[in-house]
N, C-alpha and C. Protein backbone atom coordinates (compact mmCIF):
# COMPACT_ATOMS: atom_id res chain seq x y z
N GLU A 1 144.86 -156.12 -130.00
CA GLU A 1 145.59 -155.19 -129.15
C GLU A 1 144.88 -153.83 -129.20
N PRO A 2 144.49 -153.27 -128.06
CA PRO A 2 143.71 -152.03 -128.07
C PRO A 2 144.45 -150.81 -128.60
N LEU A 3 145.77 -150.80 -128.58
CA LEU A 3 146.52 -149.63 -129.03
C LEU A 3 146.87 -149.66 -130.51
N GLU A 4 146.73 -150.81 -131.14
CA GLU A 4 147.05 -150.92 -132.57
C GLU A 4 145.96 -150.25 -133.40
N LEU A 5 146.40 -149.58 -134.46
CA LEU A 5 145.45 -148.93 -135.36
C LEU A 5 144.90 -149.96 -136.35
N SER A 6 143.59 -149.91 -136.53
CA SER A 6 142.96 -150.77 -137.53
C SER A 6 142.99 -150.06 -138.88
N GLU A 7 142.61 -150.76 -139.92
CA GLU A 7 142.51 -150.13 -141.23
C GLU A 7 141.49 -148.99 -141.19
N GLY A 8 140.39 -149.20 -140.46
CA GLY A 8 139.39 -148.16 -140.31
C GLY A 8 139.95 -146.93 -139.62
N ASP A 9 140.78 -147.14 -138.58
CA ASP A 9 141.42 -146.02 -137.90
C ASP A 9 142.27 -145.21 -138.88
N ARG A 10 143.09 -145.92 -139.63
CA ARG A 10 143.97 -145.25 -140.59
C ARG A 10 143.17 -144.50 -141.65
N ALA A 11 142.10 -145.12 -142.13
CA ALA A 11 141.27 -144.49 -143.15
C ALA A 11 140.63 -143.20 -142.64
N GLN A 12 140.37 -143.13 -141.34
CA GLN A 12 139.78 -141.93 -140.74
C GLN A 12 140.83 -140.92 -140.31
N GLY A 13 142.11 -141.25 -140.50
CA GLY A 13 143.18 -140.32 -140.17
C GLY A 13 143.64 -140.37 -138.73
N HIS A 14 143.27 -141.42 -138.01
CA HIS A 14 143.72 -141.53 -136.62
C HIS A 14 145.23 -141.77 -136.58
N ALA A 15 145.89 -141.14 -135.64
CA ALA A 15 147.33 -141.28 -135.49
C ALA A 15 147.71 -142.30 -134.42
N ARG A 16 146.84 -142.48 -133.42
CA ARG A 16 147.13 -143.42 -132.34
C ARG A 16 145.85 -143.72 -131.58
N ASN A 17 145.88 -144.81 -130.83
CA ASN A 17 144.81 -145.18 -129.92
C ASN A 17 145.38 -145.21 -128.50
N TYR A 18 144.51 -145.00 -127.54
CA TYR A 18 144.93 -144.98 -126.14
C TYR A 18 144.04 -145.86 -125.29
N THR A 19 144.61 -146.36 -124.21
CA THR A 19 143.84 -146.85 -123.07
C THR A 19 143.91 -145.72 -122.05
N ILE A 20 143.14 -145.80 -120.99
CA ILE A 20 143.22 -144.73 -119.99
C ILE A 20 144.62 -144.69 -119.38
N ASP A 21 145.24 -145.85 -119.20
CA ASP A 21 146.59 -145.87 -118.62
C ASP A 21 147.62 -145.25 -119.55
N SER A 22 147.56 -145.56 -120.85
CA SER A 22 148.54 -145.00 -121.77
C SER A 22 148.31 -143.49 -121.96
N LEU A 23 147.06 -143.05 -121.91
CA LEU A 23 146.78 -141.62 -122.03
C LEU A 23 147.26 -140.86 -120.79
N ARG A 24 147.02 -141.44 -119.62
CA ARG A 24 147.54 -140.82 -118.38
C ARG A 24 149.06 -140.73 -118.41
N ALA A 25 149.72 -141.79 -118.88
CA ALA A 25 151.18 -141.80 -118.95
C ALA A 25 151.69 -140.72 -119.90
N GLU A 26 151.04 -140.54 -121.02
CA GLU A 26 151.46 -139.51 -121.95
C GLU A 26 151.26 -138.11 -121.36
N MET A 27 150.16 -137.91 -120.66
CA MET A 27 149.92 -136.62 -120.00
C MET A 27 151.02 -136.35 -118.96
N SER A 28 151.34 -137.37 -118.19
CA SER A 28 152.37 -137.22 -117.16
C SER A 28 153.73 -136.92 -117.81
N ALA A 29 154.05 -137.63 -118.87
CA ALA A 29 155.32 -137.39 -119.57
C ALA A 29 155.37 -135.98 -120.16
N GLY A 30 154.22 -135.41 -120.46
CA GLY A 30 154.16 -134.04 -120.98
C GLY A 30 154.15 -132.98 -119.90
N GLY A 31 154.25 -133.40 -118.64
CA GLY A 31 154.34 -132.45 -117.55
C GLY A 31 153.01 -132.04 -116.93
N TYR A 32 151.98 -132.87 -117.09
CA TYR A 32 150.66 -132.57 -116.54
C TYR A 32 150.23 -133.65 -115.55
N HIS A 33 149.40 -133.26 -114.61
CA HIS A 33 148.75 -134.26 -113.77
C HIS A 33 147.25 -134.20 -114.06
N VAL A 34 146.62 -135.34 -113.98
CA VAL A 34 145.21 -135.47 -114.34
C VAL A 34 144.34 -135.05 -113.16
N VAL A 35 143.43 -134.12 -113.40
CA VAL A 35 142.50 -133.70 -112.35
C VAL A 35 141.11 -134.31 -112.58
N HIS A 36 140.83 -134.75 -113.79
CA HIS A 36 139.55 -135.40 -114.09
C HIS A 36 139.69 -136.17 -115.40
N TRP A 37 138.95 -137.27 -115.50
CA TRP A 37 138.88 -137.98 -116.77
C TRP A 37 137.52 -138.62 -116.90
N GLN A 38 137.12 -138.87 -118.12
CA GLN A 38 135.81 -139.45 -118.38
C GLN A 38 135.85 -140.22 -119.69
N GLY A 39 135.04 -141.25 -119.77
CA GLY A 39 134.81 -141.95 -121.01
C GLY A 39 133.50 -141.48 -121.62
N ILE A 40 133.43 -141.49 -122.94
CA ILE A 40 132.23 -141.05 -123.64
C ILE A 40 131.75 -142.17 -124.54
N PHE A 41 130.61 -142.67 -124.30
CA PHE A 41 129.87 -143.64 -125.10
C PHE A 41 130.50 -145.03 -125.15
N LEU A 42 129.85 -145.95 -124.52
CA LEU A 42 130.24 -147.35 -124.54
C LEU A 42 129.87 -147.94 -125.90
N LYS A 43 130.88 -148.35 -126.66
CA LYS A 43 130.64 -148.91 -127.99
C LYS A 43 130.58 -150.43 -127.87
N VAL A 44 129.42 -150.98 -128.10
CA VAL A 44 129.27 -152.43 -128.01
C VAL A 44 129.37 -153.08 -129.39
N LEU A 45 129.14 -152.30 -130.44
CA LEU A 45 129.24 -152.77 -131.82
C LEU A 45 129.77 -151.63 -132.68
N SER A 46 130.00 -151.88 -133.94
CA SER A 46 130.44 -150.83 -134.84
C SER A 46 129.31 -149.83 -135.06
N ASN A 47 129.67 -148.64 -135.51
CA ASN A 47 128.64 -147.62 -135.80
C ASN A 47 127.62 -148.17 -136.80
N ARG A 48 128.09 -148.83 -137.83
CA ARG A 48 127.19 -149.37 -138.86
C ARG A 48 126.19 -150.35 -138.26
N GLN A 49 126.64 -151.18 -137.32
CA GLN A 49 125.75 -152.16 -136.70
C GLN A 49 124.72 -151.50 -135.78
N MET A 50 125.04 -150.30 -135.31
CA MET A 50 124.14 -149.62 -134.38
C MET A 50 123.19 -148.65 -135.07
N LEU A 51 123.37 -148.46 -136.37
CA LEU A 51 122.46 -147.58 -137.11
C LEU A 51 121.03 -148.08 -136.98
N GLY A 52 120.13 -147.17 -136.76
CA GLY A 52 118.73 -147.54 -136.66
C GLY A 52 118.28 -147.99 -135.28
N TRP A 53 119.19 -148.05 -134.32
CA TRP A 53 118.79 -148.43 -132.97
C TRP A 53 117.90 -147.34 -132.39
N ASP A 54 117.00 -147.74 -131.54
CA ASP A 54 116.12 -146.81 -130.84
C ASP A 54 116.95 -145.92 -129.92
N TRP A 55 116.58 -144.62 -129.86
CA TRP A 55 117.33 -143.68 -129.03
C TRP A 55 117.28 -144.04 -127.55
N ASN A 56 116.24 -144.69 -127.10
CA ASN A 56 116.20 -145.13 -125.69
C ASN A 56 117.30 -146.14 -125.41
N LEU A 57 117.57 -147.02 -126.36
CA LEU A 57 118.66 -147.98 -126.20
C LEU A 57 120.00 -147.28 -126.23
N ILE A 58 120.19 -146.34 -127.13
CA ILE A 58 121.44 -145.58 -127.20
C ILE A 58 121.69 -144.84 -125.88
N ARG A 59 120.66 -144.20 -125.35
CA ARG A 59 120.81 -143.49 -124.06
C ARG A 59 121.13 -144.46 -122.93
N ALA A 60 120.52 -145.63 -122.94
CA ALA A 60 120.80 -146.63 -121.90
C ALA A 60 122.26 -147.09 -121.96
N ILE A 61 122.75 -147.31 -123.16
CA ILE A 61 124.16 -147.72 -123.31
C ILE A 61 125.08 -146.59 -122.85
N ASP A 62 124.70 -145.35 -123.13
CA ASP A 62 125.49 -144.21 -122.67
C ASP A 62 125.54 -144.18 -121.14
N ARG A 63 124.43 -144.44 -120.48
CA ARG A 63 124.40 -144.46 -119.01
C ARG A 63 125.30 -145.57 -118.46
N VAL A 64 125.28 -146.73 -119.09
CA VAL A 64 126.16 -147.82 -118.65
C VAL A 64 127.62 -147.39 -118.83
N GLY A 65 127.91 -146.72 -119.94
CA GLY A 65 129.28 -146.25 -120.19
C GLY A 65 129.79 -145.31 -119.12
N ARG A 66 128.91 -144.55 -118.51
CA ARG A 66 129.33 -143.65 -117.44
C ARG A 66 129.80 -144.42 -116.22
N ARG A 67 129.34 -145.65 -116.09
CA ARG A 67 129.78 -146.51 -114.97
C ARG A 67 131.02 -147.33 -115.34
N LEU A 68 131.31 -147.44 -116.63
CA LEU A 68 132.46 -148.19 -117.12
C LEU A 68 133.28 -147.32 -118.08
N PRO A 69 133.76 -146.17 -117.61
CA PRO A 69 134.38 -145.21 -118.54
C PRO A 69 135.61 -145.74 -119.25
N GLU A 70 136.35 -146.65 -118.63
CA GLU A 70 137.56 -147.16 -119.28
C GLU A 70 137.25 -148.02 -120.50
N HIS A 71 136.00 -148.39 -120.69
CA HIS A 71 135.59 -149.21 -121.83
C HIS A 71 134.88 -148.40 -122.91
N CYS A 72 134.84 -147.10 -122.75
CA CYS A 72 134.13 -146.25 -123.70
C CYS A 72 134.93 -146.03 -124.98
N ALA A 73 134.23 -145.58 -126.01
CA ALA A 73 134.84 -145.36 -127.32
C ALA A 73 135.79 -144.17 -127.32
N GLU A 74 135.49 -143.17 -126.54
CA GLU A 74 136.30 -141.95 -126.47
C GLU A 74 136.66 -141.68 -125.02
N LEU A 75 137.85 -141.13 -124.83
CA LEU A 75 138.32 -140.74 -123.50
C LEU A 75 138.74 -139.28 -123.55
N TYR A 76 138.52 -138.57 -122.46
CA TYR A 76 139.13 -137.25 -122.36
C TYR A 76 139.68 -137.06 -120.96
N LEU A 77 140.72 -136.27 -120.89
CA LEU A 77 141.36 -135.95 -119.62
C LEU A 77 141.42 -134.44 -119.47
N VAL A 78 141.31 -133.99 -118.24
CA VAL A 78 141.56 -132.59 -117.89
C VAL A 78 142.83 -132.61 -117.06
N GLY A 79 143.83 -131.84 -117.48
CA GLY A 79 145.09 -131.85 -116.76
C GLY A 79 145.53 -130.45 -116.40
N ARG A 80 146.40 -130.40 -115.42
CA ARG A 80 147.05 -129.15 -115.00
C ARG A 80 148.56 -129.37 -115.02
N PRO A 81 149.30 -128.32 -115.32
CA PRO A 81 150.76 -128.49 -115.27
C PRO A 81 151.21 -128.98 -113.91
N SER A 82 152.15 -129.92 -113.92
CA SER A 82 152.67 -130.47 -112.66
C SER A 82 153.57 -129.48 -111.94
């Protein structure tokens, strides 16, 4: 389940996970409308598994992530009060 916290999440102090839909819903419930959103870095493996990868490969994965933002490791939204 994408919203459940893993042991790794808890160890890093994460309080919750979001999908783009759940994050949009929380913004809306807080009285904001989304004017822009983006995903940052498509994670295909764990950080440990990606250590030592060539930077050209990392940049290529980042470019793919810009086309598939809902699958990226991090999401951000820009909102304005409704």
